Amino acid sequence: MSSVRSLLCLAAVLAVVSSSCSSGLNPFVDSVSYRPPTATVDSSQDCLAENIYTDLTGLGPWDPALTSDASPPGYPPAAFVPVAVVRCERGTDDAGFMTVDSVRLEGDIDAVDAAFSAKSERFPDGVMASCAYAMKPPVGLWLVDDVGKAFRPAWPASPCGLQNAPIEALADLTEVSRVSHPTGYTDRYDTTCAAGAYGWEFENTTPEDVAAAEEREQSPDSTVVPSLVMPMDDVDKLQLCTVPTSTEQPLDPSISVVGQAMTLSREDSASTVRSVANAPLAPACDRRSSRIASTELRRPDGSGSSFVSFELDGCQRATGFGYYRAIPADVLSILTRTE
């Protein structure tokens, strides 16, 4: 299990009581179980369906290979017996152009089917919450039977997001084949980016702050970030946006700043995330950084959605991995090697 810890996973529940974001409801609040509509079974899986392709790549519907929208996700049909999973992913060909890949996965499909057959859970009527995590499931995921028919499973919900069991079951499967479709798009010439002020500001910290953070992380009640939210070894290429910051005054959160874009390889991305997630807590520091790199952690299938930032000088800390973590020297070298 990852050593990544959340800052404080809190849900502010109005008119009732507080609720946990990670493992269900406060024991004083009952959840409500429900089942989404049953999925439509299509004649075959399709990663080039317009709604999947567009959501996965951000590209428009001008690709002549695109088909009509795929059927919406739903609850597994009772008579459907899956033998494999097909996951739609972003890839890169030898020339550096983006591809859309249909990846067939096999293994313990029964565990995957069981995870998607779980009842969804929601807050009772009249209970409202603001949850800490934005959870995004894979853009295109299909369960396939022995004659090639397929359906898109709906991701079972929890009261404060999505259940984590399906991503864990999928992680145990093995890739057996991959078919790639070229998109004709490459981002290797993108050298500039625009970033909002979210994640730029790192606070000054004291030894007391660090001691309190260590105590929280060592507590048995410390919350582990769901793996659906925080991809690590399976993270997609990191698209970093490095922006200059003022060492004299805080940034204006209402503006965006043009920065320098850099894309890391899948190997470097996974190494960076894994190393920082397992790095020690950063020591107390009151220096300001003049350059901060930010990115969003996503898998090639579009799932994830964790925002992280790195101080490239000053205190050289990372945020988004729980309390501030010290950036290891080898990671800092990767993050700054084009400068």
C-alpha atoms as a PDB file:
ATOM      1  CA  MET A   1       0.000   0.000   0.000  1.00  0.00           C
ATOM      2  CA  SER A   2       1.228   3.476  -0.848  1.00  0.00           C
ATOM      3  CA  SER A   3       2.653   5.591   1.915  1.00  0.00           C
ATOM      4  CA  VAL A   4       0.874   8.617   0.480  1.00  0.00           C
ATOM      5  CA  ARG A   5      -1.303  10.306   3.069  1.00  0.00           C
ATOM      6  CA  SER A   6      -4.044  12.837   2.592  1.00  0.00           C
ATOM      7  CA  LEU A   7      -3.850  16.259   4.223  1.00  0.00           C
ATOM      8  CA  LEU A   8      -7.115  15.903   6.085  1.00  0.00           C
ATOM      9  CA  CYS A   9      -9.910  14.057   4.273  1.00  0.00           C
ATOM     10  CA  LEU A  10     -12.898  15.988   5.536  1.00  0.00           C
ATOM     11  CA  ALA A  11     -16.451  16.238   4.289  1.00  0.00           C
ATOM     12  CA  ALA A  12     -18.485  19.126   5.643  1.00  0.00           C
ATOM     13  CA  VAL A  13     -21.974  17.684   5.943  1.00  0.00           C
ATOM     14  CA  LEU A  14     -24.725  20.214   6.289  1.00  0.00           C
ATOM     15  CA  ALA A  15     -27.539  19.788   8.795  1.00  0.00           C
ATOM     16  CA  VAL A  16     -26.413  16.364  10.017  1.00  0.00           C
ATOM     17  CA  VAL A  17     -22.844  15.431  10.978  1.00  0.00           C
ATOM     18  CA  SER A  18     -19.399  15.250   9.433  1.00  0.00           C
ATOM     19  CA  SER A  19     -18.476  12.383   7.118  1.00  0.00           C
ATOM     20  CA  SER A  20     -15.297  10.608   6.042  1.00  0.00           C
ATOM     21  CA  CYS A  21     -14.239  10.849   2.395  1.00  0.00           C
ATOM     22  CA  SER A  22     -12.271   7.655   2.259  1.00  0.00           C
ATOM     23  CA  SER A  23     -14.083   4.778   3.859  1.00  0.00           C
ATOM     24  CA  GLY A  24     -17.768   5.620   3.830  1.00  0.00           C
ATOM     25  CA  LEU A  25     -19.978   7.473   6.233  1.00  0.00           C
ATOM     26  CA  ASN A  26     -19.694   8.568   9.805  1.00  0.00           C
ATOM     27  CA  PRO A  27     -21.203   5.774  11.936  1.00  0.00           C
ATOM     28  CA  PHE A  28     -24.015   8.145  12.926  1.00  0.00           C
ATOM     29  CA  VAL A  29     -25.112   8.631   9.295  1.00  0.00           C
ATOM     30  CA  ASP A  30     -26.795   5.847   7.325  1.00  0.00           C
ATOM     31  CA  SER A  31     -25.950   5.456   3.645  1.00  0.00           C
ATOM     32  CA  VAL A  32     -28.489   4.646   0.952  1.00  0.00           C
ATOM     33  CA  SER A  33     -27.793   1.808  -1.469  1.00  0.00           C
ATOM     34  CA  TYR A  34     -28.924   1.965  -5.080  1.00  0.00           C
ATOM     35  CA  ARG A  35     -28.248   0.341  -8.422  1.00  0.00           C
ATOM     36  CA  PRO A  36     -27.746   2.339 -11.639  1.00  0.00           C
ATOM     37  CA  PRO A  37     -29.669   1.346 -14.786  1.00  0.00           C
ATOM     38  CA  THR A  38     -28.523  -1.887 -16.426  1.00  0.00           C
ATOM     39  CA  ALA A  39     -25.936  -1.379 -19.173  1.00  0.00           C
ATOM     40  CA  THR A  40     -26.709  -1.856 -22.856  1.00  0.00           C
ATOM     41  CA  VAL A  41     -24.726  -4.676 -24.468  1.00  0.00           C
ATOM     42  CA  ASP A  42     -23.113  -3.615 -27.760  1.00  0.00           C
ATOM     43  CA  SER A  43     -21.987  -5.883 -30.578  1.00  0.00           C
ATOM     44  CA  SER A  44     -18.323  -5.111 -29.816  1.00  0.00           C
ATOM     45  CA  GLN A  45     -16.086  -2.848 -27.761  1.00  0.00           C
ATOM     46  CA  ASP A  46     -15.078   0.440 -29.413  1.00  0.00           C
ATOM     47  CA  CYS A  47     -12.367   2.853 -28.264  1.00  0.00           C
ATOM     48  CA  LEU A  48     -12.966   5.061 -31.320  1.00  0.00           C
ATOM     49  CA  ALA A  49     -16.509   5.940 -30.305  1.00  0.00           C
ATOM     50  CA  GLU A  50     -16.702   9.722 -30.519  1.00  0.00           C
ATOM     51  CA  ASN A  51     -17.510  10.328 -26.848  1.00  0.00           C
ATOM     52  CA  ILE A  52     -14.662   8.069 -25.669  1.00  0.00           C
ATOM     53  CA  TYR A  53     -12.078   9.340 -28.172  1.00  0.00           C
ATOM     54  CA  THR A  54     -12.884  13.005 -27.496  1.00  0.00           C
ATOM     55  CA  ASP A  55     -12.868  12.640 -23.702  1.00  0.00           C
ATOM     56  CA  LEU A  56      -9.639  10.651 -23.783  1.00  0.00           C
ATOM     57  CA  THR A  57      -7.647  12.885 -26.144  1.00  0.00           C
ATOM     58  CA  GLY A  58      -9.325  16.303 -26.033  1.00  0.00           C
ATOM     59  CA  LEU A  59      -9.342  16.187 -29.831  1.00  0.00           C
ATOM     60  CA  GLY A  60     -12.364  16.871 -32.003  1.00  0.00           C
ATOM     61  CA  PRO A  61     -14.556  14.565 -34.092  1.00  0.00           C
ATOM     62  CA  TRP A  62     -12.730  15.135 -37.404  1.00  0.00           C
ATOM     63  CA  ASP A  63     -10.981  11.766 -37.345  1.00  0.00           C
ATOM     64  CA  PRO A  64     -12.712   9.748 -40.151  1.00  0.00           C
ATOM     65  CA  ALA A  65     -12.278   6.527 -38.142  1.00  0.00           C
ATOM     66  CA  LEU A  66     -14.586   7.726 -35.385  1.00  0.00           C
ATOM     67  CA  THR A  67     -17.891   6.003 -34.853  1.00  0.00           C
ATOM     68  CA  SER A  68     -21.045   7.202 -33.120  1.00  0.00           C
ATOM     69  CA  ASP A  69     -21.142   7.594 -29.351  1.00  0.00           C
ATOM     70  CA  ALA A  70     -20.775   4.458 -27.271  1.00  0.00           C
ATOM     71  CA  SER A  71     -23.671   3.367 -25.086  1.00  0.00           C
ATOM     72  CA  PRO A  72     -23.578   4.887 -21.590  1.00  0.00           C
ATOM     73  CA  PRO A  73     -22.097   2.888 -18.701  1.00  0.00           C
ATOM     74  CA  GLY A  74     -24.478   0.831 -16.597  1.00  0.00           C
ATOM     75  CA  TYR A  75     -24.874  -1.979 -14.096  1.00  0.00           C
ATOM     76  CA  PRO A  76     -23.618  -5.396 -15.308  1.00  0.00           C
ATOM     77  CA  PRO A  77     -26.417  -7.339 -17.071  1.00  0.00           C
ATOM     78  CA  ALA A  78     -27.342 -10.517 -15.200  1.00  0.00           C
ATOM     79  CA  ALA A  79     -26.804 -12.906 -18.128  1.00  0.00           C
ATOM     80  CA  PHE A  80     -23.544 -11.390 -19.321  1.00  0.00           C
ATOM     81  CA  VAL A  81     -20.414 -13.470 -18.604  1.00  0.00           C
ATOM     82  CA  PRO A  82     -17.232 -11.417 -19.161  1.00  0.00           C
ATOM     83  CA  VAL A  83     -13.971 -13.120 -20.126  1.00  0.00           C
ATOM     84  CA  ALA A  84     -11.789 -10.022 -20.621  1.00  0.00           C
ATOM     85  CA  VAL A  85     -11.572  -6.273 -20.151  1.00  0.00           C
ATOM     86  CA  VAL A  86     -10.751  -3.786 -22.897  1.00  0.00           C
ATOM     87  CA  ARG A  87      -9.438  -0.453 -21.662  1.00  0.00           C
ATOM     88  CA  CYS A  88      -9.090   2.613 -23.900  1.00  0.00           C
ATOM     89  CA  GLU A  89      -5.810   4.457 -23.351  1.00  0.00           C
ATOM     90  CA  ARG A  90      -3.685   7.260 -24.715  1.00  0.00           C
ATOM     91  CA  GLY A  91      -0.415   6.028 -26.178  1.00  0.00           C
ATOM     92  CA  THR A  92       2.524   7.336 -28.211  1.00  0.00           C
ATOM     93  CA  ASP A  93       3.899   5.851 -31.431  1.00  0.00           C
ATOM     94  CA  ASP A  94       7.543   5.672 -32.507  1.00  0.00           C
ATOM     95  CA  ALA A  95       7.297   9.082 -34.167  1.00  0.00           C
ATOM     96  CA  GLY A  96       6.081  10.741 -30.979  1.00  0.00           C
ATOM     97  CA  PHE A  97       2.435  11.124 -32.054  1.00  0.00           C
ATOM     98  CA  MET A  98      -0.484  10.381 -29.761  1.00  0.00           C
ATOM     99  CA  THR A  99      -2.422   7.177 -30.345  1.00  0.00           C
ATOM    100  CA  VAL A 100      -5.665   5.783 -28.959  1.00  0.00           C
ATOM    101  CA  ASP A 101      -5.048   2.205 -27.861  1.00  0.00           C
ATOM    102  CA  SER A 102      -7.469  -0.655 -27.289  1.00  0.00           C
ATOM    103  CA  VAL A 103      -5.808  -2.712 -24.554  1.00  0.00           C
ATOM    104  CA  ARG A 104      -7.121  -6.206 -23.831  1.00  0.00           C
ATOM    105  CA  LEU A 105      -6.653  -7.369 -20.233  1.00  0.00           C
ATOM    106  CA  GLU A 106      -7.141 -10.869 -18.863  1.00  0.00           C
ATOM    107  CA  GLY A 107      -6.773 -12.560 -15.502  1.00  0.00           C
ATOM    108  CA  ASP A 108      -9.178 -12.646 -12.563  1.00  0.00           C
ATOM    109  CA  ILE A 109     -12.145 -11.239 -14.476  1.00  0.00           C
ATOM    110  CA  ASP A 110     -14.543 -12.582 -11.841  1.00  0.00           C
ATOM    111  CA  ALA A 111     -13.019 -10.153  -9.319  1.00  0.00           C
ATOM    112  CA  VAL A 112     -13.496  -7.278 -11.740  1.00  0.00           C
ATOM    113  CA  ASP A 113     -17.099  -8.303 -12.431  1.00  0.00           C
ATOM    114  CA  ALA A 114     -17.791  -8.547  -8.703  1.00  0.00           C
ATOM    115  CA  ALA A 115     -16.303  -5.096  -8.053  1.00  0.00           C
ATOM    116  CA  PHE A 116     -18.548  -3.513 -10.676  1.00  0.00           C
ATOM    117  CA  SER A 117     -21.564  -5.486  -9.453  1.00  0.00           C
ATOM    118  CA  ALA A 118     -21.371  -3.861  -6.012  1.00  0.00           C
ATOM    119  CA  LYS A 119     -24.263  -1.627  -5.032  1.00  0.00           C
ATOM    120  CA  SER A 120     -23.599   2.097  -5.176  1.00  0.00           C
ATOM    121  CA  GLU A 121     -23.921   4.162  -2.001  1.00  0.00           C
ATOM    122  CA  ARG A 122     -25.040   7.763  -1.561  1.00  0.00           C
ATOM    123  CA  PHE A 123     -25.864  10.174   1.230  1.00  0.00           C
ATOM    124  CA  PRO A 124     -29.456  10.058   2.501  1.00  0.00           C
ATOM    125  CA  ASP A 125     -31.897  12.646   1.207  1.00  0.00           C
ATOM    126  CA  GLY A 126     -31.362  15.984   2.903  1.00  0.00           C
ATOM    127  CA  VAL A 127     -27.659  15.387   3.549  1.00  0.00           C
ATOM    128  CA  MET A 128     -25.227  17.492   1.533  1.00  0.00           C
ATOM    129  CA  ALA A 129     -21.440  17.266   1.543  1.00  0.00           C
ATOM    130  CA  SER A 130     -18.350  18.905   0.137  1.00  0.00           C
ATOM    131  CA  CYS A 131     -15.756  16.183  -0.409  1.00  0.00           C
ATOM    132  CA  ALA A 132     -11.987  16.440  -0.571  1.00  0.00           C
ATOM    133  CA  TYR A 133     -11.295  14.294  -3.644  1.00  0.00           C
ATOM    134  CA  ALA A 134     -12.253  14.723  -7.284  1.00  0.00           C
ATOM    135  CA  MET A 135     -12.471  11.154  -8.573  1.00  0.00           C
ATOM    136  CA  LYS A 136     -12.408  10.403 -12.297  1.00  0.00           C
ATOM    137  CA  PRO A 137     -12.820   6.818 -13.546  1.00  0.00           C
ATOM    138  CA  PRO A 138     -11.326   5.539 -16.820  1.00  0.00           C
ATOM    139  CA  VAL A 139     -12.798   7.261 -19.880  1.00  0.00           C
ATOM    140  CA  GLY A 140     -13.423   4.074 -21.848  1.00  0.00           C
ATOM    141  CA  LEU A 141     -13.698   0.668 -20.168  1.00  0.00           C
ATOM    142  CA  TRP A 142     -15.439  -2.411 -21.571  1.00  0.00           C
ATOM    143  CA  LEU A 143     -16.251  -5.871 -20.223  1.00  0.00           C
ATOM    144  CA  VAL A 144     -16.168  -8.369 -23.103  1.00  0.00           C
ATOM    145  CA  ASP A 145     -17.683 -11.860 -23.424  1.00  0.00           C
ATOM    146  CA  ASP A 146     -16.444 -14.897 -25.363  1.00  0.00           C
ATOM    147  CA  VAL A 147     -18.158 -13.867 -28.621  1.00  0.00           C
ATOM    148  CA  GLY A 148     -16.905 -10.271 -28.521  1.00  0.00           C
ATOM    149  CA  LYS A 149     -20.018  -8.526 -27.243  1.00  0.00           C
ATOM    150  CA  ALA A 150     -19.280  -5.800 -24.718  1.00  0.00           C
ATOM    151  CA  PHE A 151     -20.741  -3.272 -22.304  1.00  0.00           C
ATOM    152  CA  ARG A 152     -19.383  -0.297 -20.376  1.00  0.00           C
ATOM    153  CA  PRO A 153     -19.657  -0.827 -16.588  1.00  0.00           C
ATOM    154  CA  ALA A 154     -20.778   2.079 -14.420  1.00  0.00           C
ATOM    155  CA  TRP A 155     -18.275   2.847 -11.668  1.00  0.00           C
ATOM    156  CA  PRO A 156     -19.960   2.122  -8.312  1.00  0.00           C
ATOM    157  CA  ALA A 157     -20.317   5.221  -6.181  1.00  0.00           C
ATOM    158  CA  SER A 158     -19.556   5.873  -2.537  1.00  0.00           C
ATOM    159  CA  PRO A 159     -21.205   8.677  -0.546  1.00  0.00           C
ATOM    160  CA  CYS A 160     -18.179  10.905  -1.059  1.00  0.00           C
ATOM    161  CA  GLY A 161     -16.985   9.860  -4.503  1.00  0.00           C
ATOM    162  CA  LEU A 162     -16.333   6.495  -6.148  1.00  0.00           C
ATOM    163  CA  GLN A 163     -15.499   3.087  -4.717  1.00  0.00           C
ATOM    164  CA  ASN A 164     -11.866   2.034  -4.954  1.00  0.00           C
ATOM    165  CA  ALA A 165     -12.371  -1.742  -5.392  1.00  0.00           C
ATOM    166  CA  PRO A 166     -12.647  -1.715  -9.224  1.00  0.00           C
ATOM    167  CA  ILE A 167      -9.290   0.026  -9.769  1.00  0.00           C
ATOM    168  CA  GLU A 168      -7.619  -2.508  -7.467  1.00  0.00           C
ATOM    169  CA  ALA A 169      -9.198  -5.453  -9.321  1.00  0.00           C
ATOM    170  CA  LEU A 170      -8.189  -3.981 -12.676  1.00  0.00           C
ATOM    171  CA  ALA A 171      -4.610  -3.528 -11.457  1.00  0.00           C
ATOM    172  CA  ASP A 172      -4.287  -7.304 -11.032  1.00  0.00           C
ATOM    173  CA  LEU A 173      -5.072  -8.017 -14.707  1.00  0.00           C
ATOM    174  CA  THR A 174      -2.435  -8.642 -17.373  1.00  0.00           C
ATOM    175  CA  GLU A 175      -2.215  -6.969 -20.776  1.00  0.00           C
ATOM    176  CA  VAL A 176      -2.421  -9.587 -23.534  1.00  0.00           C
ATOM    177  CA  SER A 177      -2.789  -7.407 -26.653  1.00  0.00           C
ATOM    178  CA  ARG A 178      -2.848  -3.795 -27.786  1.00  0.00           C
ATOM    179  CA  VAL A 179      -4.191  -2.213 -30.980  1.00  0.00           C
ATOM    180  CA  SER A 180      -3.168   1.409 -31.641  1.00  0.00           C
ATOM    181  CA  HIS A 181      -4.955   4.028 -33.722  1.00  0.00           C
ATOM    182  CA  PRO A 182      -2.938   7.118 -34.801  1.00  0.00           C
ATOM    183  CA  THR A 183      -4.421  10.535 -34.045  1.00  0.00           C
ATOM    184  CA  GLY A 184      -1.908  12.652 -35.993  1.00  0.00           C
ATOM    185  CA  TYR A 185      -1.377  14.877 -32.939  1.00  0.00           C
ATOM    186  CA  THR A 186       1.849  15.499 -31.040  1.00  0.00           C
ATOM    187  CA  ASP A 187       2.493  17.794 -28.092  1.00  0.00           C
ATOM    188  CA  ARG A 188       6.294  17.720 -28.351  1.00  0.00           C
ATOM    189  CA  TYR A 189       6.372  21.211 -29.862  1.00  0.00           C
ATOM    190  CA  ASP A 190       4.275  22.741 -27.074  1.00  0.00           C
ATOM    191  CA  THR A 191       6.808  24.841 -25.169  1.00  0.00           C
ATOM    192  CA  THR A 192       4.486  27.218 -23.304  1.00  0.00           C
ATOM    193  CA  CYS A 193       1.551  26.686 -20.996  1.00  0.00           C
ATOM    194  CA  ALA A 194      -0.853  28.717 -18.902  1.00  0.00           C
ATOM    195  CA  ALA A 195      -1.406  27.851 -15.255  1.00  0.00           C
ATOM    196  CA  GLY A 196      -3.810  29.189 -12.665  1.00  0.00           C
ATOM    197  CA  ALA A 197      -2.599  30.021  -9.194  1.00  0.00           C
ATOM    198  CA  TYR A 198      -3.912  26.785  -7.662  1.00  0.00           C
ATOM    199  CA  GLY A 199      -1.021  24.927  -6.064  1.00  0.00           C
ATOM    200  CA  TRP A 200       1.517  27.717  -6.448  1.00  0.00           C
ATOM    201  CA  GLU A 201       1.550  28.957  -2.889  1.00  0.00           C
ATOM    202  CA  PHE A 202       3.699  27.078  -0.376  1.00  0.00           C
ATOM    203  CA  GLU A 203       3.397  28.240   3.214  1.00  0.00           C
ATOM    204  CA  ASN A 204       6.218  28.885   5.648  1.00  0.00           C
ATOM    205  CA  THR A 205       6.494  26.072   8.180  1.00  0.00           C
ATOM    206  CA  THR A 206       7.881  25.728  11.683  1.00  0.00           C
ATOM    207  CA  PRO A 207       9.359  22.736  13.529  1.00  0.00           C
ATOM    208  CA  GLU A 208       6.050  22.504  15.382  1.00  0.00           C
ATOM    209  CA  ASP A 209       4.178  22.208  12.057  1.00  0.00           C
ATOM    210  CA  VAL A 210       6.436  19.359  10.965  1.00  0.00           C
ATOM    211  CA  ALA A 211       6.084  17.556  14.302  1.00  0.00           C
ATOM    212  CA  ALA A 212       2.291  17.799  14.092  1.00  0.00           C
ATOM    213  CA  ALA A 213       2.352  16.438  10.511  1.00  0.00           C
ATOM    214  CA  GLU A 214       4.538  13.513  11.570  1.00  0.00           C
ATOM    215  CA  GLU A 215       2.127  12.725  14.381  1.00  0.00           C
ATOM    216  CA  ARG A 216      -0.832  12.766  11.970  1.00  0.00           C
ATOM    217  CA  GLU A 217       0.928  10.464   9.499  1.00  0.00           C
ATOM    218  CA  GLN A 218       1.828   7.971  12.208  1.00  0.00           C
ATOM    219  CA  SER A 219      -1.694   7.933  13.614  1.00  0.00           C
ATOM    220  CA  PRO A 220      -3.758   4.789  12.906  1.00  0.00           C
ATOM    221  CA  ASP A 221      -6.566   7.152  11.864  1.00  0.00           C
ATOM    222  CA  SER A 222      -4.429   8.728   9.137  1.00  0.00           C
ATOM    223  CA  THR A 223      -6.237   8.460   5.799  1.00  0.00           C
ATOM    224  CA  VAL A 224      -4.662   6.822   2.770  1.00  0.00           C
ATOM    225  CA  VAL A 225      -5.447   8.546  -0.516  1.00  0.00           C
ATOM    226  CA  PRO A 226      -7.522   6.138  -2.675  1.00  0.00           C
ATOM    227  CA  SER A 227      -5.473   4.609  -5.478  1.00  0.00           C
ATOM    228  CA  LEU A 228      -8.156   5.668  -7.965  1.00  0.00           C
ATOM    229  CA  VAL A 229      -7.292   9.277  -7.143  1.00  0.00           C
ATOM    230  CA  MET A 230      -3.512   8.959  -6.918  1.00  0.00           C
ATOM    231  CA  PRO A 231      -1.874   7.002  -9.766  1.00  0.00           C
ATOM    232  CA  MET A 232       1.763   6.124  -9.122  1.00  0.00           C
ATOM    233  CA  ASP A 233       3.531   3.399 -11.095  1.00  0.00           C
ATOM    234  CA  ASP A 234       0.682   3.543 -13.637  1.00  0.00           C
ATOM    235  CA  VAL A 235       0.729   7.345 -14.030  1.00  0.00           C
ATOM    236  CA  ASP A 236       0.653   8.778 -17.553  1.00  0.00           C
ATOM    237  CA  LYS A 237       3.323  11.128 -18.883  1.00  0.00           C
ATOM    238  CA  LEU A 238       3.468  14.181 -16.623  1.00  0.00           C
ATOM    239  CA  GLN A 239       2.822  17.446 -18.445  1.00  0.00           C
ATOM    240  CA  LEU A 240       4.511  19.978 -16.197  1.00  0.00           C
ATOM    241  CA  CYS A 241       3.891  23.715 -16.315  1.00  0.00           C
ATOM    242  CA  THR A 242       6.693  25.687 -14.657  1.00  0.00           C
ATOM    243  CA  VAL A 243       5.853  29.279 -13.782  1.00  0.00           C
ATOM    244  CA  PRO A 244       7.964  32.086 -12.334  1.00  0.00           C
ATOM    245  CA  THR A 245       6.833  33.350  -8.952  1.00  0.00           C
ATOM    246  CA  SER A 246       7.667  36.403  -6.909  1.00  0.00           C
ATOM    247  CA  THR A 247       9.896  35.895  -3.914  1.00  0.00           C
ATOM    248  CA  GLU A 248       8.656  39.180  -2.463  1.00  0.00           C
ATOM    249  CA  GLN A 249       4.854  38.860  -2.464  1.00  0.00           C
ATOM    250  CA  PRO A 250       2.151  36.177  -2.781  1.00  0.00           C
ATOM    251  CA  LEU A 251       0.675  35.358  -6.171  1.00  0.00           C
ATOM    252  CA  ASP A 252      -2.655  36.797  -7.229  1.00  0.00           C
ATOM    253  CA  PRO A 253      -5.020  33.784  -7.287  1.00  0.00           C
ATOM    254  CA  SER A 254      -7.278  35.518  -9.839  1.00  0.00           C
ATOM    255  CA  ILE A 255      -4.738  35.469 -12.667  1.00  0.00           C
ATOM    256  CA  SER A 256      -3.092  32.870 -14.897  1.00  0.00           C
ATOM    257  CA  VAL A 257       0.583  32.982 -15.724  1.00  0.00           C
ATOM    258  CA  VAL A 258       2.322  31.803 -18.876  1.00  0.00           C
ATOM    259  CA  GLY A 259       4.945  29.215 -18.078  1.00  0.00           C
ATOM    260  CA  GLN A 260       7.308  26.715 -19.636  1.00  0.00           C
ATOM    261  CA  ALA A 261       5.832  23.355 -20.646  1.00  0.00           C
ATOM    262  CA  MET A 262       7.720  20.094 -20.269  1.00  0.00           C
ATOM    263  CA  THR A 263       6.515  16.522 -20.753  1.00  0.00           C
ATOM    264  CA  LEU A 264       8.242  13.679 -18.923  1.00  0.00           C
ATOM    265  CA  SER A 265       8.420  10.130 -20.224  1.00  0.00           C
ATOM    266  CA  ARG A 266       6.201   7.484 -18.652  1.00  0.00           C
ATOM    267  CA  GLU A 267       9.263   6.001 -16.928  1.00  0.00           C
ATOM    268  CA  ASP A 268      10.425   9.331 -15.494  1.00  0.00           C
ATOM    269  CA  SER A 269       6.860  10.222 -14.507  1.00  0.00           C
ATOM    270  CA  ALA A 270       6.362   7.029 -12.524  1.00  0.00           C
ATOM    271  CA  SER A 271       9.793   7.382 -10.909  1.00  0.00           C
ATOM    272  CA  THR A 272       9.049  10.994  -9.945  1.00  0.00           C
ATOM    273  CA  VAL A 273       5.677  10.275  -8.367  1.00  0.00           C
ATOM    274  CA  ARG A 274       6.853   7.166  -6.545  1.00  0.00           C
ATOM    275  CA  SER A 275       9.997   8.848  -5.179  1.00  0.00           C
ATOM    276  CA  VAL A 276       8.192  11.944  -3.931  1.00  0.00           C
ATOM    277  CA  ALA A 277       5.298   9.980  -2.437  1.00  0.00           C
ATOM    278  CA  ASN A 278       7.766   7.971  -0.352  1.00  0.00           C
ATOM    279  CA  ALA A 279      10.081  10.880   0.472  1.00  0.00           C
ATOM    280  CA  PRO A 280      10.394  12.132   4.063  1.00  0.00           C
ATOM    281  CA  LEU A 281       8.447  15.129   5.240  1.00  0.00           C
ATOM    282  CA  ALA A 282      10.095  18.431   4.362  1.00  0.00           C
ATOM    283  CA  PRO A 283      11.831  20.207   7.242  1.00  0.00           C
ATOM    284  CA  ALA A 284      10.671  23.579   8.491  1.00  0.00           C
ATOM    285  CA  CYS A 285      11.396  26.335   5.989  1.00  0.00           C
ATOM    286  CA  ASP A 286      10.569  30.007   5.396  1.00  0.00           C
ATOM    287  CA  ARG A 287      12.188  30.612   1.981  1.00  0.00           C
ATOM    288  CA  ARG A 288      10.093  31.415  -1.077  1.00  0.00           C
ATOM    289  CA  SER A 289      10.573  29.647  -4.390  1.00  0.00           C
ATOM    290  CA  SER A 290      11.020  31.598  -7.628  1.00  0.00           C
ATOM    291  CA  ARG A 291       9.906  28.680  -9.839  1.00  0.00           C
ATOM    292  CA  ILE A 292       7.091  26.214  -9.229  1.00  0.00           C
ATOM    293  CA  ALA A 293       6.095  23.326 -11.505  1.00  0.00           C
ATOM    294  CA  SER A 294       2.558  21.952 -11.356  1.00  0.00           C
ATOM    295  CA  THR A 295       0.768  19.058 -13.024  1.00  0.00           C
ATOM    296  CA  GLU A 296      -2.216  16.737 -12.737  1.00  0.00           C
ATOM    297  CA  LEU A 297      -1.694  13.034 -12.135  1.00  0.00           C
ATOM    298  CA  ARG A 298      -3.686  10.919 -14.577  1.00  0.00           C
ATOM    299  CA  ARG A 299      -3.418   7.399 -15.926  1.00  0.00           C
ATOM    300  CA  PRO A 300      -3.289   6.772 -19.686  1.00  0.00           C
ATOM    301  CA  ASP A 301      -6.970   5.764 -19.426  1.00  0.00           C
ATOM    302  CA  GLY A 302      -7.914   9.214 -18.080  1.00  0.00           C
ATOM    303  CA  SER A 303      -8.518   8.164 -14.473  1.00  0.00           C
ATOM    304  CA  GLY A 304      -6.959   9.836 -11.485  1.00  0.00           C
ATOM    305  CA  SER A 305      -7.041  13.622 -11.044  1.00  0.00           C
ATOM    306  CA  SER A 306      -4.572  14.629  -8.321  1.00  0.00           C
ATOM    307  CA  PHE A 307      -2.926  18.042  -8.549  1.00  0.00           C
ATOM    308  CA  VAL A 308       0.679  18.253  -7.387  1.00  0.00           C
ATOM    309  CA  SER A 309       3.264  21.034  -7.348  1.00  0.00           C
ATOM    310  CA  PHE A 310       7.041  21.216  -6.901  1.00  0.00           C
ATOM    311  CA  GLU A 311       9.262  24.042  -5.649  1.00  0.00           C
ATOM    312  CA  LEU A 312      12.270  24.005  -7.983  1.00  0.00           C
ATOM    313  CA  ASP A 313      14.352  26.173  -5.666  1.00  0.00           C
ATOM    314  CA  GLY A 314      13.869  27.724  -2.235  1.00  0.00           C
ATOM    315  CA  CYS A 315      12.691  25.001   0.135  1.00  0.00           C
ATOM    316  CA  GLN A 316      12.461  22.410  -2.680  1.00  0.00           C
ATOM    317  CA  ARG A 317       9.237  20.856  -1.419  1.00  0.00           C
ATOM    318  CA  ALA A 318       6.364  19.008  -3.106  1.00  0.00           C
ATOM    319  CA  THR A 319       2.680  19.381  -2.277  1.00  0.00           C
ATOM    320  CA  GLY A 320      -0.243  17.128  -3.144  1.00  0.00           C
ATOM    321  CA  PHE A 321       1.317  14.070  -1.502  1.00  0.00           C
ATOM    322  CA  GLY A 322       0.017  14.739   1.986  1.00  0.00           C
ATOM    323  CA  TYR A 323       2.059  17.162   4.074  1.00  0.00           C
ATOM    324  CA  TYR A 324       4.952  18.919   2.296  1.00  0.00           C
ATOM    325  CA  ARG A 325       7.547  16.376   1.215  1.00  0.00           C
ATOM    326  CA  ALA A 326      11.234  16.967   0.485  1.00  0.00           C
ATOM    327  CA  ILE A 327      11.985  16.551  -3.236  1.00  0.00           C
ATOM    328  CA  PRO A 328      14.773  13.953  -3.661  1.00  0.00           C
ATOM    329  CA  ALA A 329      17.862  15.162  -5.536  1.00  0.00           C
ATOM    330  CA  ASP A 330      17.351  12.772  -8.459  1.00  0.00           C
ATOM    331  CA  VAL A 331      13.772  13.969  -8.911  1.00  0.00           C
ATOM    332  CA  LEU A 332      14.843  17.621  -8.769  1.00  0.00           C
ATOM    333  CA  SER A 333      17.347  16.847 -11.493  1.00  0.00           C
ATOM    334  CA  ILE A 334      14.570  15.486 -13.704  1.00  0.00           C
ATOM    335  CA  LEU A 335      12.271  18.430 -13.019  1.00  0.00           C
ATOM    336  CA  THR A 336      14.956  21.010 -13.835  1.00  0.00           C
ATOM    337  CA  ARG A 337      17.026  19.311 -16.525  1.00  0.00           C
ATOM    338  CA  THR A 338      15.776  21.507 -19.405  1.00  0.00           C
ATOM    339  CA  GLU A 339      16.616  24.734 -17.621  1.00  0.00           C
END
